[in-house]
Protein backbone atom coordinates (compact mmCIF):
# COMPACT_ATOMS: atom_id res chain seq x y z
CA MET A 1 38.82 -15.14 210.59
CA SER A 2 41.31 -13.89 213.29
CA LYS A 3 41.23 -10.04 214.52
CA LYS A 4 44.92 -9.90 211.86
CA ASN A 5 43.19 -10.63 209.08
CA LEU A 6 39.82 -8.70 209.38
CA LEU A 7 42.20 -5.24 209.42
CA ILE A 8 44.51 -6.29 206.69
CA THR A 9 41.14 -7.43 203.90
CA PRO A 10 39.94 -3.70 204.12
CA PHE A 11 43.15 -1.86 204.16
CA PHE A 12 43.71 -4.69 200.66
CA PHE A 13 40.24 -3.71 199.13
CA PHE A 14 40.58 0.03 199.76
CA PHE A 15 44.09 0.50 197.87
CA TYR A 16 42.58 -1.80 195.19
CA ARG A 17 39.49 0.45 195.03
CA ASP A 18 42.34 3.67 194.92
CA ILE A 19 44.18 1.83 192.28
CA SER A 20 41.18 0.87 190.33
CA ARG A 21 40.16 4.64 189.64
CA VAL A 22 43.50 4.89 188.26
CA PHE A 23 42.83 2.46 185.24
CA LYS A 24 38.99 3.89 184.63
CA VAL A 25 40.60 7.24 183.60
CA LYS A 26 43.92 5.45 182.12
CA VAL A 27 44.22 8.20 179.74
CA GLN A 28 44.67 11.12 182.10
CA THR A 29 46.64 9.38 184.48
CA ILE A 30 48.61 7.17 182.40
CA PHE A 31 48.97 7.96 178.86
CA ALA A 32 48.90 11.79 179.29
CA PRO A 33 52.45 11.74 181.44
CA LEU A 34 53.75 9.73 179.09
CA ILE A 35 53.05 11.82 176.16
CA SER A 36 54.55 14.86 177.95
CA GLN A 37 58.11 12.97 178.96
CA THR A 38 58.61 11.84 175.17
CA LEU A 39 58.34 15.52 174.67
CA TYR A 40 60.73 16.14 176.75
CA LEU A 41 63.25 13.47 175.58
CA ILE A 42 61.90 14.56 171.78
CA ILE A 43 63.65 18.21 172.86
CA PHE A 44 66.09 18.11 175.59
CA GLY A 45 67.29 14.97 174.94
CA VAL A 46 67.69 14.37 171.18
CA SER A 47 67.69 17.96 170.28
CA LEU A 48 68.91 20.59 172.58
CA GLY A 49 71.21 17.31 173.48
CA LYS A 50 73.39 17.58 170.69
CA VAL A 51 74.82 20.85 171.74
CA VAL A 52 74.54 20.29 175.75
CA LYS A 53 77.12 18.56 177.14
CA ILE A 54 77.27 17.42 180.82
CA SER A 55 80.27 14.78 180.74
CA ASP A 56 82.45 13.32 178.61
CA GLN A 57 81.72 9.77 180.45
CA PHE A 58 78.13 10.31 179.08
CA SER A 59 75.61 11.97 176.44
CA TYR A 60 73.14 14.65 177.43
CA LEU A 61 70.47 12.10 176.66
CA GLU A 62 71.80 9.73 179.17
CA PHE A 63 72.00 12.01 181.97
CA ILE A 64 67.76 13.13 181.87
CA ILE A 65 66.30 9.40 181.09
CA PRO A 66 66.88 8.82 184.72
CA GLY A 67 66.09 12.77 186.01
CA LEU A 68 62.92 12.10 183.70
CA VAL A 69 61.97 8.73 185.32
CA ALA A 70 62.37 10.33 189.20
CA MET A 71 60.28 12.95 187.89
CA SER A 72 57.66 10.68 186.48
CA LEU A 73 57.38 9.00 189.91
CA ILE A 74 57.23 12.09 191.82
CA ASN A 75 54.67 13.84 189.77
CA GLN A 76 52.57 11.26 189.29
CA SER A 77 52.67 9.67 193.23
CA PHE A 78 51.75 13.31 194.85
CA GLN A 79 48.90 13.53 192.00
CA ASN A 80 47.41 10.32 193.07
CA GLY A 81 47.62 11.01 196.48
CA SER A 82 46.20 14.09 196.56
CA SER A 83 43.45 14.19 194.21
CA SER A 84 42.71 10.73 195.61
CA ILE A 85 42.10 11.99 199.33
CA PHE A 86 40.34 15.08 197.93
CA SER A 87 37.49 13.71 196.18
CA MET A 88 36.83 11.12 198.73
CA LYS A 89 36.69 14.71 201.12
CA ILE A 90 34.27 16.16 198.50
CA THR A 91 31.84 13.45 197.83
CA GLY A 92 31.89 12.25 202.03
CA GLU A 93 33.51 8.71 201.23
CA ILE A 94 35.31 9.29 204.09
CA ILE A 95 32.25 9.12 206.86
CA ASP A 96 32.15 5.61 204.89
CA ILE A 97 35.65 4.70 205.78
CA LYS A 98 34.83 5.00 209.77
CA SER A 99 32.28 1.93 209.13
CA THR A 100 34.99 -0.44 207.74
CA ALA A 101 37.76 -1.79 210.23
CA LEU A 102 41.02 0.58 208.82
CA ASN A 103 42.44 2.53 211.23
CA THR A 104 44.50 5.72 210.78
CA GLN A 105 47.71 4.16 209.58
CA GLN A 106 46.06 1.83 206.89
CA ILE A 107 44.24 4.50 205.30
CA ILE A 108 47.73 6.44 204.77
CA PHE A 109 49.74 3.55 203.98
CA ALA A 110 46.95 2.51 201.72
CA ILE A 111 46.81 5.31 199.51
CA ALA A 112 50.62 5.65 199.90
CA CYS A 113 51.04 2.71 198.05
CA SER A 114 48.73 3.26 195.23
CA GLY A 115 50.48 6.39 194.67
CA LEU A 116 53.35 4.53 195.00
CA LEU A 117 52.44 1.64 192.03
CA ARG A 118 51.01 4.38 189.98
CA GLY A 119 53.84 6.48 189.87
CA LEU A 120 55.59 3.05 189.00
CA ILE A 121 53.63 2.39 186.49
CA VAL A 122 54.27 5.69 184.66
CA SER A 123 58.02 5.97 185.37
CA CYS A 124 58.72 2.55 184.38
CA LEU A 125 56.89 3.11 181.27
CA THR A 126 58.92 6.36 180.69
CA LEU A 127 62.30 4.27 181.00
CA VAL A 128 61.39 1.84 178.14
CA ILE A 129 60.49 4.77 176.34
CA GLY A 130 64.20 6.41 177.32
CA GLU A 131 65.51 3.06 176.50
CA LEU A 132 64.52 3.10 172.82
CA PHE A 133 65.60 6.60 172.28
CA HIS A 134 68.66 5.97 173.40
CA PHE A 135 69.57 2.75 171.52
CA TYR A 136 68.14 4.60 168.20
CA PHE A 137 70.34 7.30 168.53
CA GLU A 138 73.15 5.76 170.67
CA GLY A 139 73.19 2.22 169.72
CA SER A 140 72.95 0.70 172.93
CA PHE A 141 70.25 0.17 175.92
CA LEU A 142 70.97 2.32 178.93
CA PRO A 143 72.92 0.01 181.14
CA LEU A 144 71.65 -0.07 184.75
CA HIS A 145 74.41 0.42 187.57
CA SER A 146 72.42 -0.81 190.40
CA ALA A 147 69.34 -2.28 190.93
CA LEU A 148 69.51 -2.73 193.70
CA TRP A 149 69.54 1.65 194.96
CA LEU A 150 67.11 1.97 191.47
CA VAL A 151 64.98 -0.12 193.71
CA VAL A 152 65.67 1.74 197.02
CA PHE A 153 64.83 5.29 195.96
CA LEU A 154 61.59 4.28 193.36
CA GLY A 155 59.34 2.61 196.50
CA LEU A 156 61.24 5.58 199.46
CA GLY A 157 60.23 8.68 196.37
CA GLY A 158 56.46 7.38 195.93
CA VAL A 159 55.89 7.10 199.21
CA VAL A 160 57.26 10.24 200.58
CA PHE A 161 55.18 12.25 197.41
CA ALA A 162 52.13 9.50 198.15
CA MET A 163 51.89 10.90 201.44
CA LEU A 164 52.86 14.67 200.86
CA GLY A 165 50.04 14.14 198.23
CA PHE A 166 47.64 12.50 201.12
CA SER A 167 48.19 15.32 203.41
CA VAL A 168 47.97 18.93 200.65
CA GLY A 169 44.70 16.83 199.54
CA ILE A 170 43.31 16.59 203.31
CA TRP A 171 44.64 20.11 203.45
CA SER A 172 42.36 21.75 200.32
CA ARG A 173 39.58 23.27 199.86
CA THR A 174 39.68 23.28 195.87
CA PHE A 175 41.37 21.57 193.27
CA ASP A 176 42.02 25.11 192.93
CA HIS A 177 44.88 24.55 196.29
CA ILE A 178 46.32 21.13 195.16
CA GLY A 179 47.11 22.99 191.49
CA ALA A 180 48.89 26.52 193.20
CA ILE A 181 51.12 23.75 195.21
CA GLY A 182 52.02 21.76 192.68
CA SER A 183 53.06 24.76 190.59
CA PHE A 184 54.24 27.11 192.49
CA ILE A 185 55.77 24.79 195.51
CA ILE A 186 56.59 20.75 193.54
CA LEU A 187 56.93 22.09 190.71
CA PRO A 188 60.36 24.27 190.92
CA LEU A 189 61.16 21.85 193.52
CA ILE A 190 61.56 19.28 190.70
CA TYR A 191 63.49 21.92 188.56
CA LEU A 192 65.68 22.73 190.72
CA GLY A 193 66.17 19.32 192.17
CA GLY A 194 69.39 17.85 189.41
CA VAL A 195 66.43 16.36 186.78
CA TRP A 196 67.89 18.64 183.71
CA PHE A 197 71.25 20.20 184.78
CA ASP A 198 74.79 18.83 187.14
CA LEU A 199 75.50 20.87 190.29
CA ASP A 200 78.61 22.33 188.94
CA THR A 201 77.00 23.81 186.07
CA LEU A 202 75.40 26.15 188.37
CA SER A 203 76.15 29.71 190.19
CA PRO A 204 77.40 28.77 193.69
CA PHE A 205 74.02 30.40 194.43
CA TRP A 206 71.82 28.55 192.94
CA GLN A 207 73.77 25.58 194.08
CA LYS A 208 73.46 26.36 197.88
CA LEU A 209 69.95 26.47 196.80
CA SER A 210 69.97 23.47 195.22
CA ILE A 211 71.76 21.46 198.33
CA ILE A 212 68.95 22.41 200.86
CA ASN A 213 66.05 21.07 198.12
CA PRO A 214 65.09 17.01 199.41
CA LEU A 215 64.49 16.03 195.99
CA LEU A 216 67.91 16.58 194.32
CA TYR A 217 68.82 13.98 196.43
CA PHE A 218 66.04 11.56 195.20
CA VAL A 219 67.22 12.18 191.54
CA ASN A 220 70.78 12.36 191.83
CA GLY A 221 69.78 8.83 193.60
CA ILE A 222 67.94 7.24 190.40
CA ARG A 223 70.69 8.60 188.65
CA TYR A 224 73.17 6.72 190.36
CA SER A 225 71.28 3.54 189.59
CA PHE A 226 71.47 4.11 186.49
CA LEU A 227 74.96 5.92 185.37
CA GLY A 228 76.99 5.47 188.35
CA VAL A 229 77.82 9.14 189.11
CA SER A 230 76.05 11.27 191.53
CA ASP A 231 76.49 14.95 193.11
CA ILE A 232 75.61 13.46 196.33
CA PRO A 233 76.97 9.97 197.92
CA VAL A 234 74.85 7.93 197.17
CA VAL A 235 74.02 6.96 200.94
CA SER A 236 74.06 10.69 202.47
CA ALA A 237 70.77 10.37 199.40
CA PHE A 238 69.26 7.40 200.96
CA TRP A 239 69.31 8.97 204.63
CA ILE A 240 67.98 12.14 203.49
CA VAL A 241 65.30 10.37 201.65
CA PHE A 242 64.31 8.05 204.27
CA LEU A 243 64.43 11.13 206.51
CA SER A 244 61.99 12.55 204.21
CA LEU A 245 59.68 9.61 204.62
CA PHE A 246 59.70 9.64 208.52
CA MET A 247 58.71 13.52 207.88
CA ALA A 248 55.50 12.98 205.38
CA TYR A 249 53.95 9.92 207.32
CA ILE A 250 54.27 12.40 210.62
CA LEU A 251 52.72 15.22 208.20
CA ALA A 252 50.13 12.83 206.84
CA TYR A 253 48.79 11.57 210.41
CA LEU A 254 48.83 15.29 211.85
CA MET A 255 46.87 16.03 209.62
CA THR A 256 44.33 13.40 209.41
CA PHE A 257 43.31 15.87 212.69
CA ARG A 258 41.72 18.29 210.33
CA GLY A 259 38.37 19.09 209.42
CA SER A 260 36.49 16.47 207.18
CA PHE A 261 38.89 14.04 207.88
CA GLN A 262 38.54 13.98 211.55
CA ARG A 263 34.49 14.49 212.01
CA ALA A 264 34.90 10.90 209.83
CA PHE A 265 36.40 9.45 212.72
């Protein structure tokens, strides 16, 4: 077996091990988020959607479905990356990794890929539920404007937040630290990222605050993929998300030199 194959095989085994953990607790990792997304659709898309008007071109239900798809991907990719590496930290499994042929980059990308897959599963199921809601209340399925941009933003966004979760998992000393990052940083960024509103509906102060939020570009990229409209030019959104990927990888790589992770290597 070549040296290249020796390196690839541990990578896929590590990826398989991590994604298997997701399916072992699928009620928590997959079904629980779907219940939340369904409630969002009922409360905001259906009930409030009757009185909230964003544009003459589409309904509020059509507006929030792409946002919920983006939110599902962000949350699940981040949670998978953070909980996966943190669990290995507290159980001492990180030490076992050094006996494999995996290097730091492969570990980061294996966890990033498993986080992306979990995020894609939940976001795709969220889209299916959203399409069913749209068909029931609008009489047709929500059309897709650009499959290419959808794949690009889903792929890049999932990897970015899985890597950020990886970094938070290494930094955290308890699960409370992970919860704090999710509640006080990720959640506010999501709510100010255009999931529920159009930038034009905000006051100038909140518009300026939202513009510096990288999640705004990711959410608008997903929304453009479905509706063909966006608060941000789609190419600009792509470059911001791509830059975020580079920065998330650098952060994840640097964080591997901290604490118990570094001692394992």
